[in-house]
Amino acid sequence: MKSFRIKFFVGIFAVLFILGFGYHYREDAGRFWRGLLNQLQPCQRPITYSIASIDSRFGLTKAELLNDIKKAENIWESPTNKQLFEYSPTGDLKFPRLTLILLWSMWDLLLMEQWMYLKTETT
């Protein structure tokens, strides 16, 4: 009888431990399963994206950027006949998601200077 009680309490403890572990890591497990499903069945849900910020030195408005993104979306979506990307203006993003932040950096300045140098050399 004593052996039965010990096995019973060990079993209860194991079940509670597994449930607690699953509850604690529920978000990671959800991300894992969604990622696995996306690997097995790609492009089932569109990638949602939002625009967080645009550096003014790019000389782009949000409307111009969205127009350019729509053109790029069409290049990807036309051959597949699926909606691969979905804009979320409120930032209410579903998985999978993407947030765009356009920052001007020294790298952009160097590339622009190189482009201007090459442009003057060829003319």
PDB file of N, CA and C in Angstrom:
ATOM      1  N   MET A   1       0.816  -1.192   0.000  1.00  0.00           N
ATOM      2  CA  MET A   1       0.000   0.000   0.000  1.00  0.00           C
ATOM      3  C   MET A   1       0.861   1.258   0.000  1.00  0.00           C
ATOM      4  N   LYS A   2       1.969   1.190   0.777  1.00  0.00           N
ATOM      5  CA  LYS A   2       2.853   2.344   0.856  1.00  0.00           C
ATOM      6  C   LYS A   2       3.505   2.607  -0.505  1.00  0.00           C
ATOM      7  N   SER A   3       3.863   1.565  -1.217  1.00  0.00           N
ATOM      8  CA  SER A   3       4.464   1.688  -2.543  1.00  0.00           C
ATOM      9  C   SER A   3       3.507   2.372  -3.520  1.00  0.00           C
ATOM     10  N   PHE A   4       2.214   2.022  -3.411  1.00  0.00           N
ATOM     11  CA  PHE A   4       1.209   2.625  -4.277  1.00  0.00           C
ATOM     12  C   PHE A   4       1.110   4.125  -4.038  1.00  0.00           C
ATOM     13  N   ARG A   5       1.122   4.539  -2.773  1.00  0.00           N
ATOM     14  CA  ARG A   5       1.025   5.967  -2.440  1.00  0.00           C
ATOM     15  C   ARG A   5       2.228   6.739  -2.981  1.00  0.00           C
ATOM     16  N   ILE A   6       3.399   6.164  -2.850  1.00  0.00           N
ATOM     17  CA  ILE A   6       4.598   6.834  -3.347  1.00  0.00           C
ATOM     18  C   ILE A   6       4.512   6.992  -4.862  1.00  0.00           C
ATOM     19  N   LYS A   7       4.144   5.937  -5.568  1.00  0.00           N
ATOM     20  CA  LYS A   7       3.998   6.003  -7.021  1.00  0.00           C
ATOM     21  C   LYS A   7       2.926   7.013  -7.416  1.00  0.00           C
ATOM     22  N   PHE A   8       1.835   7.035  -6.653  1.00  0.00           N
ATOM     23  CA  PHE A   8       0.745   7.964  -6.938  1.00  0.00           C
ATOM     24  C   PHE A   8       1.226   9.410  -6.802  1.00  0.00           C
ATOM     25  N   PHE A   9       1.915   9.731  -5.707  1.00  0.00           N
ATOM     26  CA  PHE A   9       2.388  11.095  -5.489  1.00  0.00           C
ATOM     27  C   PHE A   9       3.500  11.488  -6.470  1.00  0.00           C
ATOM     28  N   VAL A  10       4.339  10.543  -6.838  1.00  0.00           N
ATOM     29  CA  VAL A  10       5.367  10.816  -7.848  1.00  0.00           C
ATOM     30  C   VAL A  10       4.699  11.098  -9.191  1.00  0.00           C
ATOM     31  N   GLY A  11       3.681  10.330  -9.520  1.00  0.00           N
ATOM     32  CA  GLY A  11       2.936  10.559 -10.767  1.00  0.00           C
ATOM     33  C   GLY A  11       2.249  11.913 -10.776  1.00  0.00           C
ATOM     34  N   ILE A  12       1.597  12.264  -9.668  1.00  0.00           N
ATOM     35  CA  ILE A  12       0.939  13.572  -9.550  1.00  0.00           C
ATOM     36  C   ILE A  12       1.977  14.688  -9.672  1.00  0.00           C
ATOM     37  N   PHE A  13       3.114  14.526  -8.987  1.00  0.00           N
ATOM     38  CA  PHE A  13       4.177  15.529  -9.050  1.00  0.00           C
ATOM     39  C   PHE A  13       4.689  15.679 -10.481  1.00  0.00           C
ATOM     40  N   ALA A  14       4.881  14.566 -11.190  1.00  0.00           N
ATOM     41  CA  ALA A  14       5.378  14.614 -12.565  1.00  0.00           C
ATOM     42  C   ALA A  14       4.384  15.341 -13.469  1.00  0.00           C
ATOM     43  N   VAL A  15       3.097  15.050 -13.324  1.00  0.00           N
ATOM     44  CA  VAL A  15       2.073  15.715 -14.140  1.00  0.00           C
ATOM     45  C   VAL A  15       2.044  17.209 -13.837  1.00  0.00           C
ATOM     46  N   LEU A  16       2.077  17.572 -12.558  1.00  0.00           N
ATOM     47  CA  LEU A  16       2.074  18.993 -12.183  1.00  0.00           C
ATOM     48  C   LEU A  16       3.334  19.699 -12.686  1.00  0.00           C
ATOM     49  N   PHE A  17       4.465  19.018 -12.622  1.00  0.00           N
ATOM     50  CA  PHE A  17       5.710  19.599 -13.111  1.00  0.00           C
ATOM     51  C   PHE A  17       5.622  19.859 -14.618  1.00  0.00           C
ATOM     52  N   ILE A  18       5.126  18.894 -15.367  1.00  0.00           N
ATOM     53  CA  ILE A  18       4.998  19.044 -16.820  1.00  0.00           C
ATOM     54  C   ILE A  18       4.013  20.157 -17.153  1.00  0.00           C
ATOM     55  N   LEU A  19       2.883  20.215 -16.455  1.00  0.00           N
ATOM     56  CA  LEU A  19       1.910  21.289 -16.688  1.00  0.00           C
ATOM     57  C   LEU A  19       2.496  22.659 -16.345  1.00  0.00           C
ATOM     58  N   GLY A  20       3.224  22.749 -15.237  1.00  0.00           N
ATOM     59  CA  GLY A  20       3.851  24.012 -14.854  1.00  0.00           C
ATOM     60  C   GLY A  20       4.909  24.444 -15.850  1.00  0.00           C
ATOM     61  N   PHE A  21       5.703  23.496 -16.311  1.00  0.00           N
ATOM     62  CA  PHE A  21       6.735  23.780 -17.304  1.00  0.00           C
ATOM     63  C   PHE A  21       6.084  24.283 -18.598  1.00  0.00           C
ATOM     64  N   GLY A  22       5.022  23.594 -19.030  1.00  0.00           N
ATOM     65  CA  GLY A  22       4.317  24.008 -20.241  1.00  0.00           C
ATOM     66  C   GLY A  22       3.693  25.384 -20.095  1.00  0.00           C
ATOM     67  N   TYR A  23       3.132  25.679 -18.938  1.00  0.00           N
ATOM     68  CA  TYR A  23       2.527  26.991 -18.714  1.00  0.00           C
ATOM     69  C   TYR A  23       3.584  28.087 -18.707  1.00  0.00           C
ATOM     70  N   HIS A  24       4.704  27.828 -18.075  1.00  0.00           N
ATOM     71  CA  HIS A  24       5.766  28.823 -17.984  1.00  0.00           C
ATOM     72  C   HIS A  24       6.352  29.151 -19.361  1.00  0.00           C
ATOM     73  N   TYR A  25       6.509  28.161 -20.209  1.00  0.00           N
ATOM     74  CA  TYR A  25       7.109  28.347 -21.533  1.00  0.00           C
ATOM     75  C   TYR A  25       6.078  28.335 -22.658  1.00  0.00           C
ATOM     76  N   ARG A  26       4.837  28.708 -22.359  1.00  0.00           N
ATOM     77  CA  ARG A  26       3.765  28.638 -23.357  1.00  0.00           C
ATOM     78  C   ARG A  26       4.015  29.541 -24.565  1.00  0.00           C
ATOM     79  N   GLU A  27       4.560  30.750 -24.364  1.00  0.00           N
ATOM     80  CA  GLU A  27       4.816  31.647 -25.488  1.00  0.00           C
ATOM     81  C   GLU A  27       5.917  31.101 -26.383  1.00  0.00           C
ATOM     82  N   ASP A  28       6.986  30.586 -25.779  1.00  0.00           N
ATOM     83  CA  ASP A  28       8.073  29.992 -26.563  1.00  0.00           C
ATOM     84  C   ASP A  28       7.576  28.769 -27.329  1.00  0.00           C
ATOM     85  N   ALA A  29       6.754  27.961 -26.675  1.00  0.00           N
ATOM     86  CA  ALA A  29       6.223  26.774 -27.338  1.00  0.00           C
ATOM     87  C   ALA A  29       5.317  27.167 -28.499  1.00  0.00           C
ATOM     88  N   GLY A  30       4.499  28.216 -28.298  1.00  0.00           N
ATOM     89  CA  GLY A  30       3.634  28.696 -29.378  1.00  0.00           C
ATOM     90  C   GLY A  30       4.444  29.182 -30.561  1.00  0.00           C
ATOM     91  N   ARG A  31       5.518  29.944 -30.269  1.00  0.00           N
ATOM     92  CA  ARG A  31       6.393  30.419 -31.342  1.00  0.00           C
ATOM     93  C   ARG A  31       7.058  29.254 -32.052  1.00  0.00           C
ATOM     94  N   PHE A  32       7.469  28.250 -31.296  1.00  0.00           N
ATOM     95  CA  PHE A  32       8.107  27.072 -31.885  1.00  0.00           C
ATOM     96  C   PHE A  32       7.152  26.357 -32.840  1.00  0.00           C
ATOM     97  N   TRP A  33       5.913  26.115 -32.385  1.00  0.00           N
ATOM     98  CA  TRP A  33       4.955  25.389 -33.226  1.00  0.00           C
ATOM     99  C   TRP A  33       4.555  26.192 -34.452  1.00  0.00           C
ATOM    100  N   ARG A  34       4.378  27.511 -34.291  1.00  0.00           N
ATOM    101  CA  ARG A  34       4.049  28.351 -35.456  1.00  0.00           C
ATOM    102  C   ARG A  34       5.202  28.360 -36.455  1.00  0.00           C
ATOM    103  N   GLY A  35       6.429  28.431 -35.939  1.00  0.00           N
ATOM    104  CA  GLY A  35       7.597  28.393 -36.821  1.00  0.00           C
ATOM    105  C   GLY A  35       7.717  27.066 -37.540  1.00  0.00           C
ATOM    106  N   LEU A  36       7.466  25.976 -36.817  1.00  0.00           N
ATOM    107  CA  LEU A  36       7.512  24.650 -37.431  1.00  0.00           C
ATOM    108  C   LEU A  36       6.440  24.510 -38.504  1.00  0.00           C
ATOM    109  N   LEU A  37       5.233  24.980 -38.209  1.00  0.00           N
ATOM    110  CA  LEU A  37       4.155  24.930 -39.192  1.00  0.00           C
ATOM    111  C   LEU A  37       4.499  25.771 -40.414  1.00  0.00           C
ATOM    112  N   ASN A  38       5.120  26.925 -40.190  1.00  0.00           N
ATOM    113  CA  ASN A  38       5.509  27.790 -41.302  1.00  0.00           C
ATOM    114  C   ASN A  38       6.584  27.121 -42.157  1.00  0.00           C
ATOM    115  N   GLN A  39       7.445  26.303 -41.545  1.00  0.00           N
ATOM    116  CA  GLN A  39       8.457  25.565 -42.299  1.00  0.00           C
ATOM    117  C   GLN A  39       7.822  24.447 -43.126  1.00  0.00           C
ATOM    118  N   LEU A  40       6.824  23.786 -42.544  1.00  0.00           N
ATOM    119  CA  LEU A  40       6.181  22.666 -43.232  1.00  0.00           C
ATOM    120  C   LEU A  40       5.209  23.130 -44.304  1.00  0.00           C
ATOM    121  N   GLN A  41       4.521  24.249 -44.043  1.00  0.00           N
ATOM    122  CA  GLN A  41       3.550  24.790 -44.989  1.00  0.00           C
ATOM    123  C   GLN A  41       3.806  26.294 -45.144  1.00  0.00           C
ATOM    124  N   PRO A  42       4.827  26.664 -45.930  1.00  0.00           N
ATOM    125  CA  PRO A  42       5.166  28.082 -46.040  1.00  0.00           C
ATOM    126  C   PRO A  42       4.079  28.879 -46.767  1.00  0.00           C
ATOM    127  N   CYS A  43       4.032  30.146 -46.464  1.00  0.00           N
ATOM    128  CA  CYS A  43       3.162  31.112 -47.145  1.00  0.00           C
ATOM    129  C   CYS A  43       1.677  30.859 -46.904  1.00  0.00           C
ATOM    130  N   GLN A  44       1.323  30.207 -45.805  1.00  0.00           N
ATOM    131  CA  GLN A  44      -0.085  29.998 -45.509  1.00  0.00           C
ATOM    132  C   GLN A  44      -0.719  31.263 -44.950  1.00  0.00           C
ATOM    133  N   ARG A  45       0.068  32.052 -44.223  1.00  0.00           N
ATOM    134  CA  ARG A  45      -0.396  33.327 -43.678  1.00  0.00           C
ATOM    135  C   ARG A  45       0.506  34.428 -44.191  1.00  0.00           C
ATOM    136  N   PRO A  46      -0.059  35.591 -44.476  1.00  0.00           N
ATOM    137  CA  PRO A  46       0.805  36.690 -44.932  1.00  0.00           C
ATOM    138  C   PRO A  46       1.674  37.219 -43.787  1.00  0.00           C
ATOM    139  N   ILE A  47       2.829  37.753 -44.147  1.00  0.00           N
ATOM    140  CA  ILE A  47       3.696  38.421 -43.184  1.00  0.00           C
ATOM    141  C   ILE A  47       3.148  39.832 -42.995  1.00  0.00           C
ATOM    142  N   THR A  48       2.770  40.170 -41.781  1.00  0.00           N
ATOM    143  CA  THR A  48       2.266  41.511 -41.522  1.00  0.00           C
ATOM    144  C   THR A  48       3.438  42.436 -41.231  1.00  0.00           C
ATOM    145  N   TYR A  49       3.318  43.665 -41.708  1.00  0.00           N
ATOM    146  CA  TYR A  49       4.383  44.625 -41.479  1.00  0.00           C
ATOM    147  C   TYR A  49       3.792  45.985 -41.140  1.00  0.00           C
ATOM    148  N   SER A  50       4.596  46.767 -40.451  1.00  0.00           N
ATOM    149  CA  SER A  50       4.230  48.145 -40.143  1.00  0.00           C
ATOM    150  C   SER A  50       5.471  48.998 -40.324  1.00  0.00           C
ATOM    151  N   ILE A  51       5.268  50.302 -40.412  1.00  0.00           N
ATOM    152  CA  ILE A  51       6.381  51.240 -40.557  1.00  0.00           C
ATOM    153  C   ILE A  51       6.492  52.012 -39.255  1.00  0.00           C
ATOM    154  N   ALA A  52       7.587  51.808 -38.556  1.00  0.00           N
ATOM    155  CA  ALA A  52       7.783  52.476 -37.269  1.00  0.00           C
ATOM    156  C   ALA A  52       8.286  53.900 -37.470  1.00  0.00           C
ATOM    157  N   SER A  53       9.337  54.069 -38.270  1.00  0.00           N
ATOM    158  CA  SER A  53       9.874  55.412 -38.489  1.00  0.00           C
ATOM    159  C   SER A  53      10.668  55.453 -39.788  1.00  0.00           C
ATOM    160  N   ILE A  54      10.736  56.657 -40.355  1.00  0.00           N
ATOM    161  CA  ILE A  54      11.493  56.907 -41.580  1.00  0.00           C
ATOM    162  C   ILE A  54      12.362  58.134 -41.326  1.00  0.00           C
ATOM    163  N   ASP A  55      13.653  57.991 -41.482  1.00  0.00           N
ATOM    164  CA  ASP A  55      14.562  59.126 -41.326  1.00  0.00           C
ATOM    165  C   ASP A  55      14.301  60.116 -42.461  1.00  0.00           C
ATOM    166  N   SER A  56      14.169  61.388 -42.132  1.00  0.00           N
ATOM    167  CA  SER A  56      13.825  62.411 -43.135  1.00  0.00           C
ATOM    168  C   SER A  56      14.907  62.566 -44.198  1.00  0.00           C
ATOM    169  N   ARG A  57      16.139  62.147 -43.903  1.00  0.00           N
ATOM    170  CA  ARG A  57      17.223  62.277 -44.880  1.00  0.00           C
ATOM    171  C   ARG A  57      17.051  61.345 -46.077  1.00  0.00           C
ATOM    172  N   PHE A  58      16.160  60.367 -45.981  1.00  0.00           N
ATOM    173  CA  PHE A  58      15.864  59.525 -47.137  1.00  0.00           C
ATOM    174  C   PHE A  58      15.037  60.277 -48.172  1.00  0.00           C
ATOM    175  N   GLY A  59      14.363  61.328 -47.748  1.00  0.00           N
ATOM    176  CA  GLY A  59      13.537  62.095 -48.674  1.00  0.00           C
ATOM    177  C   GLY A  59      12.292  61.341 -49.108  1.00  0.00           C
ATOM    178  N   LEU A  60      11.798  60.473 -48.268  1.00  0.00           N
ATOM    179  CA  LEU A  60      10.607  59.672 -48.565  1.00  0.00           C
ATOM    180  C   LEU A  60       9.504  60.000 -47.567  1.00  0.00           C
ATOM    181  N   THR A  61       8.296  60.086 -48.080  1.00  0.00           N
ATOM    182  CA  THR A  61       7.156  60.180 -47.184  1.00  0.00           C
ATOM    183  C   THR A  61       6.654  58.762 -46.918  1.00  0.00           C
ATOM    184  N   LYS A  62       5.814  58.627 -45.919  1.00  0.00           N
ATOM    185  CA  LYS A  62       5.259  57.306 -45.612  1.00  0.00           C
ATOM    186  C   LYS A  62       4.434  56.790 -46.790  1.00  0.00           C
ATOM    187  N   ALA A  63       3.698  57.688 -47.443  1.00  0.00           N
ATOM    188  CA  ALA A  63       2.874  57.289 -48.595  1.00  0.00           C
ATOM    189  C   ALA A  63       3.748  56.803 -49.751  1.00  0.00           C
ATOM    190  N   GLU A  64       4.869  57.485 -49.995  1.00  0.00           N
ATOM    191  CA  GLU A  64       5.767  57.062 -51.067  1.00  0.00           C
ATOM    192  C   GLU A  64       6.385  55.695 -50.757  1.00  0.00           C
ATOM    193  N   LEU A  65       6.789  55.516 -49.516  1.00  0.00           N
ATOM    194  CA  LEU A  65       7.361  54.234 -49.116  1.00  0.00           C
ATOM    195  C   LEU A  65       6.336  53.111 -49.250  1.00  0.00           C
ATOM    196  N   LEU A  66       5.113  53.363 -48.811  1.00  0.00           N
ATOM    197  CA  LEU A  66       4.064  52.343 -48.937  1.00  0.00           C
ATOM    198  C   LEU A  66       3.791  52.017 -50.401  1.00  0.00           C
ATOM    199  N   ASN A  67       3.805  53.027 -51.263  1.00  0.00           N
ATOM    200  CA  ASN A  67       3.603  52.805 -52.694  1.00  0.00           C
ATOM    201  C   ASN A  67       4.716  51.920 -53.259  1.00  0.00           C
ATOM    202  N   ASP A  68       5.972  52.198 -52.879  1.00  0.00           N
ATOM    203  CA  ASP A  68       7.098  51.380 -53.337  1.00  0.00           C
ATOM    204  C   ASP A  68       7.007  49.952 -52.798  1.00  0.00           C
ATOM    205  N   ILE A  69       6.586  49.824 -51.553  1.00  0.00           N
ATOM    206  CA  ILE A  69       6.439  48.486 -50.957  1.00  0.00           C
ATOM    207  C   ILE A  69       5.345  47.709 -51.681  1.00  0.00           C
ATOM    208  N   LYS A  70       4.239  48.386 -52.019  1.00  0.00           N
ATOM    209  CA  LYS A  70       3.155  47.721 -52.760  1.00  0.00           C
ATOM    210  C   LYS A  70       3.649  47.191 -54.102  1.00  0.00           C
ATOM    211  N   LYS A  71       4.495  47.987 -54.781  1.00  0.00           N
ATOM    212  CA  LYS A  71       5.064  47.532 -56.059  1.00  0.00           C
ATOM    213  C   LYS A  71       5.914  46.281 -55.844  1.00  0.00           C
ATOM    214  N   ALA A  72       6.726  46.294 -54.781  1.00  0.00           N
ATOM    215  CA  ALA A  72       7.564  45.124 -54.478  1.00  0.00           C
ATOM    216  C   ALA A  72       6.700  43.919 -54.099  1.00  0.00           C
ATOM    217  N   GLU A  73       5.622  44.172 -53.358  1.00  0.00           N
ATOM    218  CA  GLU A  73       4.698  43.081 -52.996  1.00  0.00           C
ATOM    219  C   GLU A  73       4.152  42.417 -54.246  1.00  0.00           C
ATOM    220  N   ASN A  74       3.742  43.219 -55.212  1.00  0.00           N
ATOM    221  CA  ASN A  74       3.167  42.666 -56.442  1.00  0.00           C
ATOM    222  C   ASN A  74       4.155  41.781 -57.184  1.00  0.00           C
ATOM    223  N   ILE A  75       5.441  42.142 -57.140  1.00  0.00           N
ATOM    224  CA  ILE A  75       6.462  41.318 -57.795  1.00  0.00           C
ATOM    225  C   ILE A  75       6.502  39.923 -57.163  1.00  0.00           C
ATOM    226  N   TRP A  76       6.362  39.861 -55.846  1.00  0.00           N
ATOM    227  CA  TRP A  76       6.406  38.578 -55.144  1.00  0.00           C
ATOM    228  C   TRP A  76       5.071  37.836 -55.209  1.00  0.00           C
ATOM    229  N   GLU A  77       3.976  38.575 -55.135  1.00  0.00           N
ATOM    230  CA  GLU A  77       2.670  37.931 -55.011  1.00  0.00           C
ATOM    231  C   GLU A  77       2.068  37.492 -56.340  1.00  0.00           C
ATOM    232  N   SER A  78       2.416  38.147 -57.430  1.00  0.00           N
ATOM    233  CA  SER A  78       1.824  37.797 -58.728  1.00  0.00           C
ATOM    234  C   SER A  78       2.098  36.360 -59.142  1.00  0.00           C
ATOM    235  N   PRO A  79       3.339  35.881 -59.077  1.00  0.00           N
ATOM    236  CA  PRO A  79       3.571  34.494 -59.513  1.00  0.00           C
ATOM    237  C   PRO A  79       2.909  33.445 -58.620  1.00  0.00           C
ATOM    238  N   THR A  80       2.723  33.750 -57.341  1.00  0.00           N
ATOM    239  CA  THR A  80       2.184  32.751 -56.417  1.00  0.00           C
ATOM    240  C   THR A  80       0.668  32.814 -56.289  1.00  0.00           C
ATOM    241  N   ASN A  81       0.065  33.921 -56.710  1.00  0.00           N
ATOM    242  CA  ASN A  81      -1.381  34.151 -56.551  1.00  0.00           C
ATOM    243  C   ASN A  81      -1.802  34.025 -55.088  1.00  0.00           C
ATOM    244  N   LYS A  82      -0.926  34.465 -54.184  1.00  0.00           N
ATOM    245  CA  LYS A  82      -1.207  34.468 -52.749  1.00  0.00           C
ATOM    246  C   LYS A  82      -0.850  35.827 -52.186  1.00  0.00           C
ATOM    247  N   GLN A  83      -1.525  36.195 -51.116  1.00  0.00           N
ATOM    248  CA  GLN A  83      -1.148  37.404 -50.406  1.00  0.00           C
ATOM    249  C   GLN A  83      -0.028  37.034 -49.434  1.00  0.00           C
ATOM    250  N   LEU A  84       1.187  37.483 -49.760  1.00  0.00           N
ATOM    251  CA  LEU A  84       2.345  37.138 -48.943  1.00  0.00           C
ATOM    252  C   LEU A  84       2.635  38.178 -47.870  1.00  0.00           C
ATOM    253  N   PHE A  85       2.231  39.426 -48.115  1.00  0.00           N
ATOM    254  CA  PHE A  85       2.492  40.529 -47.183  1.00  0.00           C
ATOM    255  C   PHE A  85       1.204  41.288 -46.926  1.00  0.00           C
ATOM    256  N   GLU A  86       1.084  41.809 -45.708  1.00  0.00           N
ATOM    257  CA  GLU A  86      -0.113  42.558 -45.322  1.00  0.00           C
ATOM    258  C   GLU A  86       0.315  43.748 -44.464  1.00  0.00           C
ATOM    259  N   TYR A  87      -0.075  44.949 -44.879  1.00  0.00           N
ATOM    260  CA  TYR A  87       0.278  46.157 -44.137  1.00  0.00           C
ATOM    261  C   TYR A  87      -0.658  46.328 -42.950  1.00  0.00           C
ATOM    262  N   SER A  88      -0.094  46.659 -41.811  1.00  0.00           N
ATOM    263  CA  SER A  88      -0.870  46.912 -40.602  1.00  0.00           C
ATOM    264  C   SER A  88      -0.579  48.333 -40.136  1.00  0.00           C
ATOM    265  N   PRO A  89      -1.432  49.299 -40.478  1.00  0.00           N
ATOM    266  CA  PRO A  89      -1.143  50.698 -40.135  1.00  0.00           C
ATOM    267  C   PRO A  89      -1.118  50.960 -38.632  1.00  0.00           C
ATOM    268  N   THR A  90      -1.826  50.177 -37.852  1.00  0.00           N
ATOM    269  CA  THR A  90      -1.888  50.409 -36.408  1.00  0.00           C
ATOM    270  C   THR A  90      -0.751  49.724 -35.668  1.00  0.00           C
ATOM    271  N   GLY A  91       0.019  48.900 -36.364  1.00  0.00           N
ATOM    272  CA  GLY A  91       1.090  48.169 -35.708  1.00  0.00           C
ATOM    273  C   GLY A  91       0.587  46.929 -34.987  1.00  0.00           C
ATOM    274  N   ASP A  92      -0.697  46.582 -35.185  1.00  0.00           N
ATOM    275  CA  ASP A  92      -1.274  45.377 -34.597  1.00  0.00           C
ATOM    276  C   ASP A  92      -0.827  44.195 -35.441  1.00  0.00           C
ATOM    277  N   LEU A  93       0.304  43.624 -35.076  1.00  0.00           N
ATOM    278  CA  LEU A  93       0.955  42.630 -35.915  1.00  0.00           C
ATOM    279  C   LEU A  93       0.675  41.215 -35.442  1.00  0.00           C
ATOM    280  N   LYS A  94       0.409  40.336 -36.419  1.00  0.00           N
ATOM    281  CA  LYS A  94       0.240  38.915 -36.151  1.00  0.00           C
ATOM    282  C   LYS A  94       1.538  38.207 -36.529  1.00  0.00           C
ATOM    283  N   PHE A  95       1.688  36.972 -36.111  1.00  0.00           N
ATOM    284  CA  PHE A  95       2.864  36.193 -36.480  1.00  0.00           C
ATOM    285  C   PHE A  95       2.672  35.650 -37.877  1.00  0.00           C
ATOM    286  N   PRO A  96       3.619  35.644 -38.757  1.00  0.00           N
ATOM    287  CA  PRO A  96       4.918  36.286 -38.689  1.00  0.00           C
ATOM    288  C   PRO A  96       4.789  37.793 -38.919  1.00  0.00           C
ATOM    289  N   ARG A  97       5.705  38.562 -38.365  1.00  0.00           N
ATOM    290  CA  ARG A  97       5.586  40.011 -38.430  1.00  0.00           C
ATOM    291  C   ARG A  97       6.927  40.659 -38.752  1.00  0.00           C
ATOM    292  N   LEU A  98       6.830  41.921 -39.215  1.00  0.00           N
ATOM    293  CA  LEU A  98       7.999  42.671 -39.621  1.00  0.00           C
ATOM    294  C   LEU A  98       7.735  44.142 -39.331  1.00  0.00           C
ATOM    295  N   THR A  99       8.673  44.818 -38.699  1.00  0.00           N
ATOM    296  CA  THR A  99       8.561  46.249 -38.438  1.00  0.00           C
ATOM    297  C   THR A  99       9.690  46.950 -39.181  1.00  0.00           C
ATOM    298  N   LEU A 100       9.336  47.935 -40.006  1.00  0.00           N
ATOM    299  CA  LEU A 100      10.325  48.648 -40.799  1.00  0.00           C
ATOM    300  C   LEU A 100      10.750  49.923 -40.087  1.00  0.00           C
ATOM    301  N   ILE A 101      12.038  50.108 -39.948  1.00  0.00           N
ATOM    302  CA  ILE A 101      12.620  51.328 -39.393  1.00  0.00           C
ATOM    303  C   ILE A 101      13.725  51.744 -40.355  1.00  0.00           C
ATOM    304  N   LEU A 102      13.542  52.859 -41.038  1.00  0.00           N
ATOM    305  CA  LEU A 102      14.551  53.335 -41.976  1.00  0.00           C
ATOM    306  C   LEU A 102      15.419  54.373 -41.284  1.00  0.00           C
ATOM    307  N   LEU A 103      16.667  54.026 -41.048  1.00  0.00           N
ATOM    308  CA  LEU A 103      17.612  54.924 -40.386  1.00  0.00           C
ATOM    309  C   LEU A 103      18.715  55.307 -41.359  1.00  0.00           C
ATOM    310  N   TRP A 104      19.077  56.576 -41.359  1.00  0.00           N
ATOM    311  CA  TRP A 104      20.185  57.063 -42.174  1.00  0.00           C
ATOM    312  C   TRP A 104      21.462  56.845 -41.385  1.00  0.00           C
ATOM    313  N   SER A 105      22.479  56.292 -42.019  1.00  0.00           N
ATOM    314  CA  SER A 105      23.716  56.019 -41.306  1.00  0.00           C
ATOM    315  C   SER A 105      24.906  56.538 -42.111  1.00  0.00           C
ATOM    316  N   MET A 106      26.071  56.424 -41.549  1.00  0.00           N
ATOM    317  CA  MET A 106      27.290  56.817 -42.254  1.00  0.00           C
ATOM    318  C   MET A 106      27.492  55.962 -43.505  1.00  0.00           C
ATOM    319  N   TRP A 107      27.029  54.749 -43.457  1.00  0.00           N
ATOM    320  CA  TRP A 107      27.128  53.859 -44.614  1.00  0.00           C
ATOM    321  C   TRP A 107      26.357  54.446 -45.800  1.00  0.00           C
ATOM    322  N   ASP A 108      25.182  54.989 -45.542  1.00  0.00           N
ATOM    323  CA  ASP A 108      24.397  55.620 -46.602  1.00  0.00           C
ATOM    324  C   ASP A 108      25.144  56.810 -47.185  1.00  0.00           C
ATOM    325  N   LEU A 109      25.771  57.603 -46.319  1.00  0.00           N
ATOM    326  CA  LEU A 109      26.527  58.763 -46.770  1.00  0.00           C
ATOM    327  C   LEU A 109      27.702  58.334 -47.641  1.00  0.00           C
ATOM    328  N   LEU A 110      28.419  57.301 -47.220  1.00  0.00           N
ATOM    329  CA  LEU A 110      29.552  56.813 -48.008  1.00  0.00           C
ATOM    330  C   LEU A 110      29.105  56.276 -49.365  1.00  0.00           C
ATOM    331  N   LEU A 111      28.005  55.549 -49.383  1.00  0.00           N
ATOM    332  CA  LEU A 111      27.497  55.027 -50.656  1.00  0.00           C
ATOM    333  C   LEU A 111      27.068  56.166 -51.581  1.00  0.00           C
ATOM    334  N   MET A 112      26.439  57.195 -51.014  1.00  0.00           N
ATOM    335  CA  MET A 112      26.007  58.328 -51.823  1.00  0.00           C
ATOM    336  C   MET A 112      27.222  59.068 -52.395  1.00  0.00           C
ATOM    337  N   GLU A 113      28.260  59.256 -51.583  1.00  0.00           N
ATOM    338  CA  GLU A 113      29.470  59.927 -52.066  1.00  0.00           C
ATOM    339  C   GLU A 113      30.140  59.109 -53.162  1.00  0.00           C
ATOM    340  N   GLN A 114      30.181  57.796 -52.995  1.00  0.00           N
ATOM    341  CA  GLN A 114      30.777  56.936 -54.016  1.00  0.00           C
ATOM    342  C   GLN A 114      29.964  56.992 -55.299  1.00  0.00           C
ATOM    343  N   TRP A 115      28.650  56.980 -55.170  1.00  0.00           N
ATOM    344  CA  TRP A 115      27.789  57.053 -56.350  1.00  0.00           C
ATOM    345  C   TRP A 115      27.985  58.385 -57.077  1.00  0.00           C
ATOM    346  N   MET A 116      28.081  59.474 -56.312  1.00  0.00           N
ATOM    347  CA  MET A 116      28.296  60.792 -56.929  1.00  0.00           C
ATOM    348  C   MET A 116      29.660  60.838 -57.611  1.00  0.00           C
ATOM    349  N   TYR A 117      30.688  60.247 -57.000  1.00  0.00           N
ATOM    350  CA  TYR A 117      32.030  60.215 -57.597  1.00  0.00           C
ATOM    351  C   TYR A 117      32.001  59.436 -58.900  1.00  0.00           C
ATOM    352  N   LEU A 118      31.367  58.274 -58.898  1.00  0.00           N
ATOM    353  CA  LEU A 118      31.279  57.470 -60.111  1.00  0.00           C
ATOM    354  C   LEU A 118      30.484  58.176 -61.194  1.00  0.00           C
ATOM    355  N   LYS A 119      29.476  58.898 -60.786  1.00  0.00           N
ATOM    356  CA  LYS A 119      28.638  59.624 -61.740  1.00  0.00           C
ATOM    357  C   LYS A 119      29.445  60.741 -62.426  1.00  0.00           C
ATOM    358  N   THR A 120      30.272  61.446 -61.674  1.00  0.00           N
ATOM    359  CA  THR A 120      31.081  62.523 -62.256  1.00  0.00           C
ATOM    360  C   THR A 120      32.208  61.952 -63.106  1.00  0.00           C
ATOM    361  N   GLU A 121      32.723  60.767 -62.773  1.00  0.00           N
ATOM    362  CA  GLU A 121      33.793  60.140 -63.537  1.00  0.00           C
ATOM    363  C   GLU A 121      33.306  59.672 -64.899  1.00  0.00           C
ATOM    364  N   THR A 122      32.070  59.213 -64.985  1.00  0.00           N
ATOM    365  CA  THR A 122      31.548  58.661 -66.247  1.00  0.00           C
ATOM    366  C   THR A 122      31.031  59.747 -67.177  1.00  0.00           C
ATOM    367  N   THR A 123      30.813  60.959 -66.682  1.00  0.00           N
ATOM    368  CA  THR A 123      30.291  62.016 -67.564  1.00  0.00           C
ATOM    369  C   THR A 123      31.406  62.899 -68.069  1.00  0.00           C
TER     370      THR A 123
END
